[in-house]
Amino acid sequence: RHIKDGFVENTRSKSHLIAAIHQIVEPRTQQYYFPSYEIVMDELRDYRFYNEDMLHPNNLAVDYIWEKFKSVWLTENALKTAEQVVAIQTKKAHRPFNPNSEAHQQFLGKLQTEIETLQNQYPHIKFD
């Protein structure tokens, strides 16, 4: 919500934006509107889904909307790839107790193999 101009003005502004979006999307067969705003306003009305300012959605709300979005728009293959990326990023963030140990070196080798395997399939994916 953008309420610095007032609640009524915010609602009017949002209604104009939504009407404009539907004028553009509805006549076309290859464009779709994902109702994230409506989900927040209608399904996530409880204040437990908002930050302390009681205006902005919190992480719980964002995760809820992301799950809805994934179920509608992402293929099983895309979801599997996303899970692989998350797993790699989690492993890369790991801070070892003993970075010079044999176990950690094996871990790094396996991680590098996972990265290379994924990048062979999707060369545009980069890990820092």
Protein backbone atom coordinates (compact mmCIF):
# COMPACT_ATOMS: atom_id res chain seq x y z
CA ARG A 1 0.00 0.00 0.00
CA HIS A 2 1.08 3.50 -0.70
CA ILE A 3 -0.91 5.51 1.83
CA LYS A 4 1.01 8.73 2.19
CA ASP A 5 -1.68 10.31 -0.01
CA GLY A 6 -4.48 8.60 1.97
CA PHE A 7 -6.38 5.31 2.01
CA VAL A 8 -9.06 6.40 -0.45
CA GLU A 9 -6.49 7.77 -2.87
CA ASN A 10 -4.47 4.55 -2.58
CA THR A 11 -7.52 2.43 -3.37
CA ARG A 12 -8.48 4.64 -6.31
CA SER A 13 -4.93 4.50 -7.65
CA LYS A 14 -4.80 0.71 -7.37
CA SER A 15 -8.18 0.33 -9.08
CA HIS A 16 -6.97 2.43 -12.03
CA LEU A 17 -3.81 0.34 -12.31
CA ILE A 18 -5.71 -2.94 -12.19
CA ALA A 19 -8.24 -1.73 -14.77
CA ALA A 20 -5.38 -0.68 -17.07
CA ILE A 21 -3.65 -4.04 -16.65
CA HIS A 22 -6.82 -5.91 -17.57
CA GLN A 23 -7.38 -3.71 -20.64
CA ILE A 24 -3.94 -4.74 -21.86
CA VAL A 25 -3.95 -8.40 -20.82
CA GLU A 26 -7.49 -9.60 -21.57
CA PRO A 27 -7.51 -9.10 -25.36
CA ARG A 28 -4.25 -11.04 -25.74
CA THR A 29 -3.94 -14.80 -25.67
CA GLN A 30 -0.31 -15.00 -24.53
CA GLN A 31 -0.39 -12.58 -21.60
CA TYR A 32 -1.75 -13.30 -18.16
CA TYR A 33 -2.19 -11.43 -14.91
CA PHE A 34 -1.06 -13.04 -11.67
CA PRO A 35 -3.21 -11.62 -8.84
CA SER A 36 -0.57 -11.11 -6.16
CA TYR A 37 -2.14 -7.84 -4.99
CA GLU A 38 -5.53 -9.50 -4.66
CA ILE A 39 -4.02 -12.41 -2.74
CA VAL A 40 -2.49 -10.00 -0.24
CA MET A 41 -5.68 -7.97 0.12
CA ASP A 42 -8.16 -10.86 0.20
CA GLU A 43 -6.37 -13.97 1.49
CA LEU A 44 -3.70 -12.39 3.69
CA ARG A 45 -5.84 -9.82 5.48
CA ASP A 46 -4.62 -10.87 8.92
CA TYR A 47 -1.93 -8.54 10.30
CA ARG A 48 0.37 -11.48 10.99
CA PHE A 49 1.20 -11.25 7.27
CA TYR A 50 2.48 -7.66 7.55
CA ASN A 51 5.63 -5.95 8.75
CA GLU A 52 5.59 -3.79 11.86
CA ASP A 53 4.43 -0.80 9.80
CA MET A 54 1.19 -2.76 9.12
CA LEU A 55 1.46 -1.78 5.44
CA HIS A 56 4.07 -3.97 3.79
CA PRO A 57 3.83 -7.75 3.43
CA ASN A 58 6.29 -9.69 5.58
CA ASN A 59 8.36 -12.73 4.60
CA LEU A 60 5.52 -15.10 5.46
CA ALA A 61 3.26 -13.30 2.98
CA VAL A 62 5.98 -13.20 0.33
CA ASP A 63 6.59 -16.94 0.74
CA TYR A 64 2.84 -17.62 0.51
CA ILE A 65 2.55 -15.66 -2.74
CA TRP A 66 5.72 -17.27 -4.13
CA GLU A 67 4.24 -20.73 -3.50
CA LYS A 68 1.06 -19.73 -5.34
CA PHE A 69 3.08 -18.26 -8.21
CA LYS A 70 5.25 -21.38 -8.50
CA SER A 71 2.25 -23.69 -8.59
CA VAL A 72 0.73 -21.71 -11.47
CA TRP A 73 3.70 -20.69 -13.61
CA LEU A 74 6.71 -22.96 -13.06
CA THR A 75 7.17 -26.36 -14.64
CA GLU A 76 8.36 -29.38 -12.70
CA ASN A 77 11.72 -29.05 -14.44
CA ALA A 78 12.03 -25.38 -13.44
CA LEU A 79 11.14 -26.24 -9.84
CA LYS A 80 13.73 -29.02 -9.78
CA THR A 81 16.38 -26.67 -11.16
CA ALA A 82 15.46 -24.01 -8.59
CA GLU A 83 15.84 -26.59 -5.82
CA GLN A 84 19.29 -27.52 -7.15
CA VAL A 85 20.34 -23.87 -7.21
CA VAL A 86 19.13 -23.35 -3.63
CA ALA A 87 20.98 -26.49 -2.50
CA ILE A 88 24.20 -25.29 -4.12
CA GLN A 89 23.86 -21.79 -2.67
CA THR A 90 23.25 -23.27 0.79
CA LYS A 91 26.37 -25.43 0.49
CA LYS A 92 28.43 -22.47 -0.75
CA ALA A 93 27.35 -20.48 2.32
CA HIS A 94 28.58 -23.24 4.65
CA ARG A 95 31.50 -22.16 6.84
CA PRO A 96 33.64 -25.13 7.82
CA PHE A 97 35.09 -25.66 11.25
CA ASN A 98 38.30 -26.91 9.66
CA PRO A 99 38.68 -25.74 6.05
CA ASN A 100 41.84 -27.83 5.54
CA SER A 101 40.32 -31.15 6.57
CA GLU A 102 40.01 -34.03 4.12
CA ALA A 103 36.23 -34.12 4.65
CA HIS A 104 35.88 -30.47 3.73
CA GLN A 105 38.05 -30.88 0.64
CA GLN A 106 35.82 -33.76 -0.47
CA PHE A 107 32.76 -31.60 0.21
CA LEU A 108 34.22 -28.82 -1.98
CA GLY A 109 35.02 -31.29 -4.76
CA LYS A 110 31.50 -32.70 -4.74
CA LEU A 111 30.07 -29.18 -4.67
CA GLN A 112 32.18 -28.17 -7.67
CA THR A 113 30.91 -31.24 -9.56
CA GLU A 114 27.30 -30.26 -8.77
CA ILE A 115 27.94 -26.72 -10.01
CA GLU A 116 29.56 -27.92 -13.23
CA THR A 117 26.77 -30.41 -13.90
CA LEU A 118 24.12 -27.74 -13.50
CA GLN A 119 26.09 -25.21 -15.57
CA ASN A 120 26.50 -27.76 -18.38
CA GLN A 121 22.72 -27.89 -18.59
CA TYR A 122 22.21 -24.17 -18.03
CA PRO A 123 25.34 -22.18 -18.97
CA HIS A 124 23.67 -18.87 -18.03
CA ILE A 125 23.53 -19.87 -14.35
CA LYS A 126 26.47 -18.38 -12.49
CA PHE A 127 27.61 -18.87 -8.91
CA ASP A 128 29.87 -16.32 -7.25
